[in-house]
Amino acid sequence: MYISSCIKEQSLHGILKYIPESIRRFMYGINMDDIYQIHLSPDRPVYVNSSGGTYCLSRHGTLTDRVSDAVLVTG
């Protein structure tokens, strides 16, 4: 699943309802205003593209560059 928002007025907060709760619960601690892409692929980390770069969503509800701390997408 690839989620993107190209229109600044269209907030990613509204898109969160399409993300499974098992992943969404980790996303409430991050600033969604700088995020423009969320990548969900089976058996892979949740990748988030922001104005500052590409990061993984961590199990602590933050963005990280450490794949070992990332939330994994499962079936």
Protein backbone atom coordinates (compact mmCIF):
# COMPACT_ATOMS: atom_id res chain seq x y z
CA MET A 1 0.00 0.00 0.00
CA TYR A 2 1.34 3.40 -0.93
CA ILE A 3 -0.25 6.48 0.61
CA SER A 4 0.63 9.90 -0.64
CA SER A 5 -0.68 13.41 -0.30
CA CYS A 6 0.35 15.80 -3.05
CA ILE A 7 -2.10 18.53 -2.07
CA LYS A 8 -0.96 20.40 1.05
CA GLU A 9 -4.53 21.20 2.11
CA GLN A 10 -5.35 17.48 2.15
CA SER A 11 -4.02 16.43 5.53
CA LEU A 12 -2.57 12.99 6.12
CA HIS A 13 -4.54 12.96 9.38
CA GLY A 14 -7.62 12.02 7.33
CA ILE A 15 -5.70 9.29 5.53
CA LEU A 16 -4.80 7.63 8.84
CA LYS A 17 -8.24 6.04 8.96
CA TYR A 18 -7.21 3.81 6.04
CA ILE A 19 -4.14 2.47 7.86
CA PRO A 20 -4.70 -0.62 10.02
CA GLU A 21 -5.03 0.09 13.75
CA SER A 22 -2.05 -2.17 14.49
CA ILE A 23 0.15 0.37 12.66
CA ARG A 24 -1.85 3.55 13.22
CA ARG A 25 -1.42 3.35 17.01
CA PHE A 26 2.30 4.03 16.54
CA MET A 27 1.70 7.09 14.35
CA TYR A 28 -0.02 9.38 16.82
CA GLY A 29 3.27 10.55 18.30
CA ILE A 30 4.73 11.90 15.07
CA ASN A 31 4.24 15.28 13.41
CA MET A 32 2.11 14.54 10.35
CA ASP A 33 2.48 18.05 8.91
CA ASP A 34 5.87 17.28 7.31
CA ILE A 35 4.93 13.83 5.98
CA TYR A 36 4.03 13.37 2.35
CA GLN A 37 4.30 9.59 1.83
CA ILE A 38 3.71 6.45 3.85
CA HIS A 39 4.84 3.09 2.43
CA LEU A 40 3.31 -0.17 3.65
CA SER A 41 4.63 -3.42 2.18
CA PRO A 42 4.17 -6.93 3.63
CA ASP A 43 7.02 -8.09 5.88
CA ARG A 44 8.79 -4.73 5.54
CA PRO A 45 9.18 -1.74 7.86
CA VAL A 46 6.71 1.14 7.63
CA TYR A 47 8.59 3.82 5.69
CA VAL A 48 7.64 7.47 6.03
CA ASN A 49 8.88 10.19 3.68
CA SER A 50 8.98 13.66 5.14
CA SER A 51 10.55 16.95 4.20
CA GLY A 52 13.56 15.86 6.28
CA GLY A 53 14.11 12.51 4.54
CA THR A 54 12.97 8.90 4.62
CA TYR A 55 12.53 7.22 7.99
CA CYS A 56 11.05 4.11 9.55
CA LEU A 57 8.17 4.29 11.99
CA SER A 58 9.49 3.04 15.33
CA ARG A 59 7.70 0.96 17.94
CA HIS A 60 8.10 3.96 20.25
CA GLY A 61 5.88 6.19 18.09
CA THR A 62 8.74 8.18 16.61
CA LEU A 63 10.59 8.24 13.30
CA THR A 64 13.95 6.52 13.17
CA ASP A 65 16.64 5.62 10.66
CA ARG A 66 17.22 2.30 12.48
CA VAL A 67 15.40 -0.52 10.73
CA SER A 68 15.89 -2.71 13.81
CA ASP A 69 13.50 -0.40 15.77
CA ALA A 70 10.88 -0.25 13.02
CA VAL A 71 7.27 -1.36 13.03
CA LEU A 72 6.88 -4.22 10.54
CA VAL A 73 3.87 -4.68 8.29
CA THR A 74 2.39 -8.14 8.77
CA GLY A 75 -0.38 -10.03 6.99
